Amino acid sequence: MKSDPTKPDDLRKTMNRLKRAQGQLAAVIAAVESGADCRAVVTQLAAVSSAIDRAGFTIISSAMKECLTDQGDTGDKKPLRVEELEKLFLALS
């Protein structure tokens, strides 16, 4: 399997998005517990949802890049079929 120099960068970006979403979700929980205005809660919740969606799209994009560049040797990982990638992509929409 070829080494992809962008993969660590993709992983870092995905982890940053997920950690940001985790912090935003903690803020939503605190806001609900403190009885915050529903507009503020919904706005924060939308931000959490968006961050998670973007992380999911990054993960799928990375898998697609791997499938395009590593057409054979997948090591221990079972290769994703196009149908599986489509299903994962649509699950986020």
PDB file of N, CA and C in Angstrom:
ATOM      1  N   MET A   1       0.847  -1.178   0.000  1.00  0.00           N
ATOM      2  CA  MET A   1       0.000   0.000   0.000  1.00  0.00           C
ATOM      3  C   MET A   1       0.892   1.239   0.000  1.00  0.00           C
ATOM      4  N   LYS A   2       0.547   2.200  -0.826  1.00  0.00           N
ATOM      5  CA  LYS A   2       1.314   3.431  -0.932  1.00  0.00           C
ATOM      6  C   LYS A   2       1.057   4.323   0.279  1.00  0.00           C
ATOM      7  N   SER A   3       2.070   5.065   0.674  1.00  0.00           N
ATOM      8  CA  SER A   3       1.918   6.017   1.767  1.00  0.00           C
ATOM      9  C   SER A   3       1.313   7.304   1.209  1.00  0.00           C
ATOM     10  N   ASP A   4       0.278   7.773   1.836  1.00  0.00           N
ATOM     11  CA  ASP A   4      -0.386   8.994   1.387  1.00  0.00           C
ATOM     12  C   ASP A   4      -0.021  10.118   2.342  1.00  0.00           C
ATOM     13  N   PRO A   5       0.755  11.111   1.895  1.00  0.00           N
ATOM     14  CA  PRO A   5       1.189  12.179   2.795  1.00  0.00           C
ATOM     15  C   PRO A   5       0.037  13.029   3.313  1.00  0.00           C
ATOM     16  N   THR A   6      -1.112  13.023   2.630  1.00  0.00           N
ATOM     17  CA  THR A   6      -2.238  13.835   3.098  1.00  0.00           C
ATOM     18  C   THR A   6      -3.044  13.121   4.171  1.00  0.00           C
ATOM     19  N   LYS A   7      -2.871  11.816   4.319  1.00  0.00           N
ATOM     20  CA  LYS A   7      -3.674  11.070   5.286  1.00  0.00           C
ATOM     21  C   LYS A   7      -3.508  11.568   6.724  1.00  0.00           C
ATOM     22  N   PRO A   8      -2.284  11.774   7.236  1.00  0.00           N
ATOM     23  CA  PRO A   8      -2.158  12.317   8.593  1.00  0.00           C
ATOM     24  C   PRO A   8      -2.832  13.685   8.732  1.00  0.00           C
ATOM     25  N   ASP A   9      -2.743  14.499   7.684  1.00  0.00           N
ATOM     26  CA  ASP A   9      -3.378  15.810   7.716  1.00  0.00           C
ATOM     27  C   ASP A   9      -4.900  15.666   7.749  1.00  0.00           C
ATOM     28  N   ASP A  10      -5.438  14.730   6.952  1.00  0.00           N
ATOM     29  CA  ASP A  10      -6.882  14.466   6.964  1.00  0.00           C
ATOM     30  C   ASP A  10      -7.328  14.000   8.349  1.00  0.00           C
ATOM     31  N   LEU A  11      -6.542  13.114   8.952  1.00  0.00           N
ATOM     32  CA  LEU A  11      -6.875  12.603  10.281  1.00  0.00           C
ATOM     33  C   LEU A  11      -6.857  13.728  11.307  1.00  0.00           C
ATOM     34  N   ARG A  12      -5.842  14.581  11.227  1.00  0.00           N
ATOM     35  CA  ARG A  12      -5.751  15.707  12.166  1.00  0.00           C
ATOM     36  C   ARG A  12      -6.959  16.633  12.025  1.00  0.00           C
ATOM     37  N   LYS A  13      -7.326  16.954  10.790  1.00  0.00           N
ATOM     38  CA  LYS A  13      -8.480  17.821  10.557  1.00  0.00           C
ATOM     39  C   LYS A  13      -9.764  17.185  11.073  1.00  0.00           C
ATOM     40  N   THR A  14      -9.913  15.894  10.838  1.00  0.00           N
ATOM     41  CA  THR A  14     -11.110  15.191  11.307  1.00  0.00           C
ATOM     42  C   THR A  14     -11.168  15.182  12.830  1.00  0.00           C
ATOM     43  N   MET A  15     -10.048  14.894  13.468  1.00  0.00           N
ATOM     44  CA  MET A  15     -10.018  14.870  14.931  1.00  0.00           C
ATOM     45  C   MET A  15     -10.301  16.255  15.498  1.00  0.00           C
ATOM     46  N   ASN A  16      -9.774  17.299  14.879  1.00  0.00           N
ATOM     47  CA  ASN A  16     -10.056  18.664  15.332  1.00  0.00           C
ATOM     48  C   ASN A  16     -11.544  18.974  15.239  1.00  0.00           C
ATOM     49  N   ARG A  17     -12.176  18.572  14.144  1.00  0.00           N
ATOM     50  CA  ARG A  17     -13.609  18.810  13.987  1.00  0.00           C
ATOM     51  C   ARG A  17     -14.413  18.056  15.044  1.00  0.00           C
ATOM     52  N   LEU A  18     -14.038  16.804  15.284  1.00  0.00           N
ATOM     53  CA  LEU A  18     -14.767  16.013  16.280  1.00  0.00           C
ATOM     54  C   LEU A  18     -14.583  16.571  17.688  1.00  0.00           C
ATOM     55  N   LYS A  19     -13.378  17.017  18.009  1.00  0.00           N
ATOM     56  CA  LYS A  19     -13.134  17.608  19.328  1.00  0.00           C
ATOM     57  C   LYS A  19     -13.890  18.920  19.485  1.00  0.00           C
ATOM     58  N   ARG A  20     -13.961  19.699  18.388  1.00  0.00           N
ATOM     59  CA  ARG A  20     -14.732  20.943  18.415  1.00  0.00           C
ATOM     60  C   ARG A  20     -16.211  20.625  18.638  1.00  0.00           C
ATOM     61  N   ALA A  21     -16.704  19.605  17.961  1.00  0.00           N
ATOM     62  CA  ALA A  21     -18.106  19.195  18.128  1.00  0.00           C
ATOM     63  C   ALA A  21     -18.358  18.725  19.556  1.00  0.00           C
ATOM     64  N   GLN A  22     -17.395  18.022  20.130  1.00  0.00           N
ATOM     65  CA  GLN A  22     -17.529  17.559  21.509  1.00  0.00           C
ATOM     66  C   GLN A  22     -17.660  18.748  22.460  1.00  0.00           C
ATOM     67  N   GLY A  23     -16.842  19.771  22.252  1.00  0.00           N
ATOM     68  CA  GLY A  23     -16.922  20.973  23.080  1.00  0.00           C
ATOM     69  C   GLY A  23     -18.241  21.704  22.883  1.00  0.00           C
ATOM     70  N   GLN A  24     -18.679  21.778  21.628  1.00  0.00           N
ATOM     71  CA  GLN A  24     -19.953  22.439  21.339  1.00  0.00           C
ATOM     72  C   GLN A  24     -21.115  21.673  21.968  1.00  0.00           C
ATOM     73  N   LEU A  25     -21.052  20.347  21.930  1.00  0.00           N
ATOM     74  CA  LEU A  25     -22.113  19.546  22.539  1.00  0.00           C
ATOM     75  C   LEU A  25     -22.149  19.745  24.053  1.00  0.00           C
ATOM     76  N   ALA A  26     -20.986  19.842  24.674  1.00  0.00           N
ATOM     77  CA  ALA A  26     -20.933  20.120  26.111  1.00  0.00           C
ATOM     78  C   ALA A  26     -21.592  21.465  26.412  1.00  0.00           C
ATOM     79  N   ALA A  27     -21.374  22.445  25.533  1.00  0.00           N
ATOM     80  CA  ALA A  27     -21.991  23.766  25.711  1.00  0.00           C
ATOM     81  C   ALA A  27     -23.509  23.677  25.552  1.00  0.00           C
ATOM     82  N   VAL A  28     -23.980  22.849  24.624  1.00  0.00           N
ATOM     83  CA  VAL A  28     -25.425  22.663  24.437  1.00  0.00           C
ATOM     84  C   VAL A  28     -26.033  22.043  25.686  1.00  0.00           C
ATOM     85  N   ILE A  29     -25.385  21.018  26.209  1.00  0.00           N
ATOM     86  CA  ILE A  29     -25.887  20.348  27.416  1.00  0.00           C
ATOM     87  C   ILE A  29     -25.950  21.334  28.576  1.00  0.00           C
ATOM     88  N   ALA A  30     -24.895  22.108  28.758  1.00  0.00           N
ATOM     89  CA  ALA A  30     -24.876  23.101  29.835  1.00  0.00           C
ATOM     90  C   ALA A  30     -25.974  24.138  29.635  1.00  0.00           C
ATOM     91  N   ALA A  31     -26.190  24.551  28.381  1.00  0.00           N
ATOM     92  CA  ALA A  31     -27.219  25.548  28.094  1.00  0.00           C
ATOM     93  C   ALA A  31     -28.608  25.006  28.410  1.00  0.00           C
ATOM     94  N   VAL A  32     -28.862  23.767  28.049  1.00  0.00           N
ATOM     95  CA  VAL A  32     -30.170  23.151  28.335  1.00  0.00           C
ATOM     96  C   VAL A  32     -30.359  23.025  29.843  1.00  0.00           C
ATOM     97  N   GLU A  33     -29.313  22.568  30.531  1.00  0.00           N
ATOM     98  CA  GLU A  33     -29.399  22.401  31.988  1.00  0.00           C
ATOM     99  C   GLU A  33     -29.635  23.723  32.704  1.00  0.00           C
ATOM    100  N   SER A  34     -29.105  24.807  32.155  1.00  0.00           N
ATOM    101  CA  SER A  34     -29.256  26.101  32.819  1.00  0.00           C
ATOM    102  C   SER A  34     -30.513  26.851  32.368  1.00  0.00           C
ATOM    103  N   GLY A  35     -31.280  26.224  31.455  1.00  0.00           N
ATOM    104  CA  GLY A  35     -32.513  26.859  30.995  1.00  0.00           C
ATOM    105  C   GLY A  35     -32.282  28.005  30.027  1.00  0.00           C
ATOM    106  N   ALA A  36     -31.248  27.917  29.230  1.00  0.00           N
ATOM    107  CA  ALA A  36     -30.924  28.979  28.267  1.00  0.00           C
ATOM    108  C   ALA A  36     -32.032  29.138  27.229  1.00  0.00           C
ATOM    109  N   ASP A  37     -32.017  30.273  26.588  1.00  0.00           N
ATOM    110  CA  ASP A  37     -32.973  30.588  25.536  1.00  0.00           C
ATOM    111  C   ASP A  37     -32.918  29.516  24.441  1.00  0.00           C
ATOM    112  N   CYS A  38     -34.092  29.087  23.990  1.00  0.00           N
ATOM    113  CA  CYS A  38     -34.142  28.001  23.007  1.00  0.00           C
ATOM    114  C   CYS A  38     -33.450  28.372  21.701  1.00  0.00           C
ATOM    115  N   ARG A  39     -33.474  29.647  21.331  1.00  0.00           N
ATOM    116  CA  ARG A  39     -32.791  30.058  20.093  1.00  0.00           C
ATOM    117  C   ARG A  39     -31.290  29.805  20.192  1.00  0.00           C
ATOM    118  N   ALA A  40     -30.721  30.121  21.337  1.00  0.00           N
ATOM    119  CA  ALA A  40     -29.283  29.907  21.534  1.00  0.00           C
ATOM    120  C   ALA A  40     -28.953  28.422  21.530  1.00  0.00           C
ATOM    121  N   VAL A  41     -29.805  27.624  22.159  1.00  0.00           N
ATOM    122  CA  VAL A  41     -29.585  26.174  22.214  1.00  0.00           C
ATOM    123  C   VAL A  41     -29.648  25.578  20.810  1.00  0.00           C
ATOM    124  N   VAL A  42     -30.655  25.954  20.039  1.00  0.00           N
ATOM    125  CA  VAL A  42     -30.811  25.415  18.688  1.00  0.00           C
ATOM    126  C   VAL A  42     -29.645  25.845  17.794  1.00  0.00           C
ATOM    127  N   THR A  43     -29.191  27.085  17.955  1.00  0.00           N
ATOM    128  CA  THR A  43     -28.049  27.563  17.170  1.00  0.00           C
ATOM    129  C   THR A  43     -26.802  26.742  17.490  1.00  0.00           C
ATOM    130  N   GLN A  44     -26.566  26.494  18.774  1.00  0.00           N
ATOM    131  CA  GLN A  44     -25.413  25.687  19.179  1.00  0.00           C
ATOM    132  C   GLN A  44     -25.558  24.246  18.696  1.00  0.00           C
ATOM    133  N   LEU A  45     -26.753  23.713  18.768  1.00  0.00           N
ATOM    134  CA  LEU A  45     -26.997  22.347  18.316  1.00  0.00           C
ATOM    135  C   LEU A  45     -26.755  22.218  16.816  1.00  0.00           C
ATOM    136  N   ALA A  46     -27.148  23.226  16.047  1.00  0.00           N
ATOM    137  CA  ALA A  46     -26.893  23.227  14.601  1.00  0.00           C
ATOM    138  C   ALA A  46     -25.385  23.221  14.326  1.00  0.00           C
ATOM    139  N   ALA A  47     -24.628  23.952  15.128  1.00  0.00           N
ATOM    140  CA  ALA A  47     -23.171  23.978  14.962  1.00  0.00           C
ATOM    141  C   ALA A  47     -22.569  22.605  15.236  1.00  0.00           C
ATOM    142  N   VAL A  48     -23.066  21.916  16.260  1.00  0.00           N
ATOM    143  CA  VAL A  48     -22.596  20.562  16.572  1.00  0.00           C
ATOM    144  C   VAL A  48     -22.883  19.637  15.398  1.00  0.00           C
ATOM    145  N   SER A  49     -24.098  19.687  14.912  1.00  0.00           N
ATOM    146  CA  SER A  49     -24.501  18.832  13.802  1.00  0.00           C
ATOM    147  C   SER A  49     -23.637  19.079  12.571  1.00  0.00           C
ATOM    148  N   SER A  50     -23.386  20.332  12.267  1.00  0.00           N
ATOM    149  CA  SER A  50     -22.561  20.689  11.115  1.00  0.00           C
ATOM    150  C   SER A  50     -21.131  20.179  11.271  1.00  0.00           C
ATOM    151  N   ALA A  51     -20.570  20.320  12.449  1.00  0.00           N
ATOM    152  CA  ALA A  51     -19.201  19.853  12.689  1.00  0.00           C
ATOM    153  C   ALA A  51     -19.100  18.339  12.534  1.00  0.00           C
ATOM    154  N   ILE A  52     -20.080  17.618  13.028  1.00  0.00           N
ATOM    155  CA  ILE A  52     -20.080  16.157  12.902  1.00  0.00           C
ATOM    156  C   ILE A  52     -20.245  15.759  11.437  1.00  0.00           C
ATOM    157  N   ASP A  53     -21.144  16.431  10.731  1.00  0.00           N
ATOM    158  CA  ASP A  53     -21.327  16.134   9.306  1.00  0.00           C
ATOM    159  C   ASP A  53     -20.035  16.352   8.528  1.00  0.00           C
ATOM    160  N   ARG A  54     -19.365  17.467   8.782  1.00  0.00           N
ATOM    161  CA  ARG A  54     -18.113  17.761   8.076  1.00  0.00           C
ATOM    162  C   ARG A  54     -17.053  16.709   8.389  1.00  0.00           C
ATOM    163  N   ALA A  55     -16.998  16.256   9.624  1.00  0.00           N
ATOM    164  CA  ALA A  55     -16.043  15.200   9.981  1.00  0.00           C
ATOM    165  C   ALA A  55     -16.374  13.918   9.222  1.00  0.00           C
ATOM    166  N   GLY A  56     -17.648  13.594   9.140  1.00  0.00           N
ATOM    167  CA  GLY A  56     -18.061  12.402   8.396  1.00  0.00           C
ATOM    168  C   GLY A  56     -17.702  12.490   6.930  1.00  0.00           C
ATOM    169  N   PHE A  57     -17.939  13.659   6.331  1.00  0.00           N
ATOM    170  CA  PHE A  57     -17.594  13.839   4.923  1.00  0.00           C
ATOM    171  C   PHE A  57     -16.082  13.732   4.711  1.00  0.00           C
ATOM    172  N   THR A  58     -15.308  14.223   5.647  1.00  0.00           N
ATOM    173  CA  THR A  58     -13.850  14.128   5.542  1.00  0.00           C
ATOM    174  C   THR A  58     -13.412  12.670   5.605  1.00  0.00           C
ATOM    175  N   ILE A  59     -14.016  11.899   6.482  1.00  0.00           N
ATOM    176  CA  ILE A  59     -13.688  10.477   6.603  1.00  0.00           C
ATOM    177  C   ILE A  59     -14.029   9.747   5.308  1.00  0.00           C
ATOM    178  N   ILE A  60     -15.210  10.024   4.759  1.00  0.00           N
ATOM    179  CA  ILE A  60     -15.620   9.371   3.520  1.00  0.00           C
ATOM    180  C   ILE A  60     -14.726   9.813   2.363  1.00  0.00           C
ATOM    181  N   SER A  61     -14.402  11.093   2.305  1.00  0.00           N
ATOM    182  CA  SER A  61     -13.524  11.600   1.258  1.00  0.00           C
ATOM    183  C   SER A  61     -12.166  10.908   1.310  1.00  0.00           C
ATOM    184  N   SER A  62     -11.644  10.733   2.503  1.00  0.00           N
ATOM    185  CA  SER A  62     -10.359  10.061   2.675  1.00  0.00           C
ATOM    186  C   SER A  62     -10.451   8.614   2.198  1.00  0.00           C
ATOM    187  N   ALA A  63     -11.557   7.943   2.519  1.00  0.00           N
ATOM    188  CA  ALA A  63     -11.750   6.557   2.067  1.00  0.00           C
ATOM    189  C   ALA A  63     -11.838   6.490   0.550  1.00  0.00           C
ATOM    190  N   MET A  64     -12.498   7.480  -0.053  1.00  0.00           N
ATOM    191  CA  MET A  64     -12.595   7.505  -1.512  1.00  0.00           C
ATOM    192  C   MET A  64     -11.219   7.693  -2.138  1.00  0.00           C
ATOM    193  N   LYS A  65     -10.413   8.574  -1.562  1.00  0.00           N
ATOM    194  CA  LYS A  65      -9.060   8.790  -2.084  1.00  0.00           C
ATOM    195  C   LYS A  65      -8.254   7.504  -1.989  1.00  0.00           C
ATOM    196  N   GLU A  66      -8.381   6.787  -0.873  1.00  0.00           N
ATOM    197  CA  GLU A  66      -7.674   5.525  -0.699  1.00  0.00           C
ATOM    198  C   GLU A  66      -8.107   4.518  -1.746  1.00  0.00           C
ATOM    199  N   CYS A  67      -9.410   4.440  -1.994  1.00  0.00           N
ATOM    200  CA  CYS A  67      -9.922   3.489  -2.973  1.00  0.00           C
ATOM    201  C   CYS A  67      -9.400   3.799  -4.365  1.00  0.00           C
ATOM    202  N   LEU A  68      -9.253   5.082  -4.673  1.00  0.00           N
ATOM    203  CA  LEU A  68      -8.784   5.466  -6.001  1.00  0.00           C
ATOM    204  C   LEU A  68      -7.286   5.230  -6.170  1.00  0.00           C
ATOM    205  N   THR A  69      -6.520   5.383  -5.096  1.00  0.00           N
ATOM    206  CA  THR A  69      -5.071   5.264  -5.214  1.00  0.00           C
ATOM    207  C   THR A  69      -4.544   3.887  -4.835  1.00  0.00           C
ATOM    208  N   ASP A  70      -5.272   3.132  -4.036  1.00  0.00           N
ATOM    209  CA  ASP A  70      -4.817   1.820  -3.562  1.00  0.00           C
ATOM    210  C   ASP A  70      -5.749   0.730  -4.084  1.00  0.00           C
ATOM    211  N   GLN A  71      -5.725   0.480  -5.348  1.00  0.00           N
ATOM    212  CA  GLN A  71      -6.658  -0.446  -5.977  1.00  0.00           C
ATOM    213  C   GLN A  71      -6.395  -1.913  -5.646  1.00  0.00           C
ATOM    214  N   GLY A  72      -5.415  -2.240  -4.873  1.00  0.00           N
ATOM    215  CA  GLY A  72      -5.157  -3.650  -4.621  1.00  0.00           C
ATOM    216  C   GLY A  72      -4.847  -3.948  -3.178  1.00  0.00           C
ATOM    217  N   ASP A  73      -3.671  -3.596  -2.769  1.00  0.00           N
ATOM    218  CA  ASP A  73      -3.170  -3.938  -1.445  1.00  0.00           C
ATOM    219  C   ASP A  73      -3.844  -3.095  -0.378  1.00  0.00           C
ATOM    220  N   THR A  74      -4.654  -3.741   0.477  1.00  0.00           N
ATOM    221  CA  THR A  74      -5.343  -3.017   1.537  1.00  0.00           C
ATOM    222  C   THR A  74      -4.889  -3.454   2.923  1.00  0.00           C
ATOM    223  N   GLY A  75      -3.891  -4.325   2.992  1.00  0.00           N
ATOM    224  CA  GLY A  75      -3.422  -4.776   4.297  1.00  0.00           C
ATOM    225  C   GLY A  75      -4.498  -5.536   5.034  1.00  0.00           C
ATOM    226  N   ASP A  76      -4.736  -5.165   6.287  1.00  0.00           N
ATOM    227  CA  ASP A  76      -5.736  -5.841   7.107  1.00  0.00           C
ATOM    228  C   ASP A  76      -7.142  -5.328   6.851  1.00  0.00           C
ATOM    229  N   LYS A  77      -7.282  -4.203   6.165  1.00  0.00           N
ATOM    230  CA  LYS A  77      -8.593  -3.592   5.974  1.00  0.00           C
ATOM    231  C   LYS A  77      -9.288  -4.179   4.762  1.00  0.00           C
ATOM    232  N   LYS A  78     -10.573  -4.425   4.922  1.00  0.00           N
ATOM    233  CA  LYS A  78     -11.386  -4.863   3.800  1.00  0.00           C
ATOM    234  C   LYS A  78     -11.706  -3.631   2.954  1.00  0.00           C
ATOM    235  N   PRO A  79     -11.441  -3.681   1.634  1.00  0.00           N
ATOM    236  CA  PRO A  79     -11.694  -2.492   0.815  1.00  0.00           C
ATOM    237  C   PRO A  79     -13.175  -2.148   0.758  1.00  0.00           C
ATOM    238  N   LEU A  80     -13.470  -0.865   0.726  1.00  0.00           N
ATOM    239  CA  LEU A  80     -14.852  -0.407   0.595  1.00  0.00           C
ATOM    240  C   LEU A  80     -15.259  -0.455  -0.861  1.00  0.00           C
ATOM    241  N   ARG A  81     -16.439  -0.999  -1.107  1.00  0.00           N
ATOM    242  CA  ARG A  81     -16.992  -0.987  -2.454  1.00  0.00           C
ATOM    243  C   ARG A  81     -17.655   0.369  -2.691  1.00  0.00           C
ATOM    244  N   VAL A  82     -17.824   0.718  -3.954  1.00  0.00           N
ATOM    245  CA  VAL A  82     -18.452   1.990  -4.304  1.00  0.00           C
ATOM    246  C   VAL A  82     -19.835   2.083  -3.664  1.00  0.00           C
ATOM    247  N   GLU A  83     -20.571   1.000  -3.669  1.00  0.00           N
ATOM    248  CA  GLU A  83     -21.922   0.997  -3.080  1.00  0.00           C
ATOM    249  C   GLU A  83     -21.876   1.312  -1.589  1.00  0.00           C
ATOM    250  N   GLU A  84     -20.861   0.790  -0.904  1.00  0.00           N
ATOM    251  CA  GLU A  84     -20.716   1.071   0.530  1.00  0.00           C
ATOM    252  C   GLU A  84     -20.389   2.549   0.763  1.00  0.00           C
ATOM    253  N   LEU A  85     -19.499   3.102  -0.066  1.00  0.00           N
ATOM    254  CA  LEU A  85     -19.165   4.527   0.058  1.00  0.00           C
ATOM    255  C   LEU A  85     -20.388   5.391  -0.192  1.00  0.00           C
ATOM    256  N   GLU A  86     -21.175   5.036  -1.200  1.00  0.00           N
ATOM    257  CA  GLU A  86     -22.394   5.793  -1.490  1.00  0.00           C
ATOM    258  C   GLU A  86     -23.356   5.738  -0.308  1.00  0.00           C
ATOM    259  N   LYS A  87     -23.506   4.545   0.268  1.00  0.00           N
ATOM    260  CA  LYS A  87     -24.412   4.384   1.411  1.00  0.00           C
ATOM    261  C   LYS A  87     -23.935   5.230   2.601  1.00  0.00           C
ATOM    262  N   LEU A  88     -22.630   5.216   2.872  1.00  0.00           N
ATOM    263  CA  LEU A  88     -22.087   6.025   3.963  1.00  0.00           C
ATOM    264  C   LEU A  88     -22.290   7.501   3.700  1.00  0.00           C
ATOM    265  N   PHE A  89     -22.038   7.916   2.468  1.00  0.00           N
ATOM    266  CA  PHE A  89     -22.213   9.322   2.097  1.00  0.00           C
ATOM    267  C   PHE A  89     -23.664   9.754   2.287  1.00  0.00           C
ATOM    268  N   LEU A  90     -24.600   8.930   1.816  1.00  0.00           N
ATOM    269  CA  LEU A  90     -26.014   9.271   1.916  1.00  0.00           C
ATOM    270  C   LEU A  90     -26.509   9.250   3.369  1.00  0.00           C
ATOM    271  N   ALA A  91     -25.869   8.463   4.206  1.00  0.00           N
ATOM    272  CA  ALA A  91     -26.255   8.422   5.623  1.00  0.00           C
ATOM    273  C   ALA A  91     -26.028   9.766   6.292  1.00  0.00           C
ATOM    274  N   LEU A  92     -25.121  10.557   5.750  1.00  0.00           N
ATOM    275  CA  LEU A  92     -24.830  11.877   6.330  1.00  0.00           C
ATOM    276  C   LEU A  92     -25.748  12.964   5.827  1.00  0.00           C
ATOM    277  N   SER A  93     -26.474  12.684   4.755  1.00  0.00           N
ATOM    278  CA  SER A  93     -27.322  13.745   4.186  1.00  0.00           C
ATOM    279  C   SER A  93     -28.719  13.715   4.754  1.00  0.00           C
TER     280      SER A  93
END
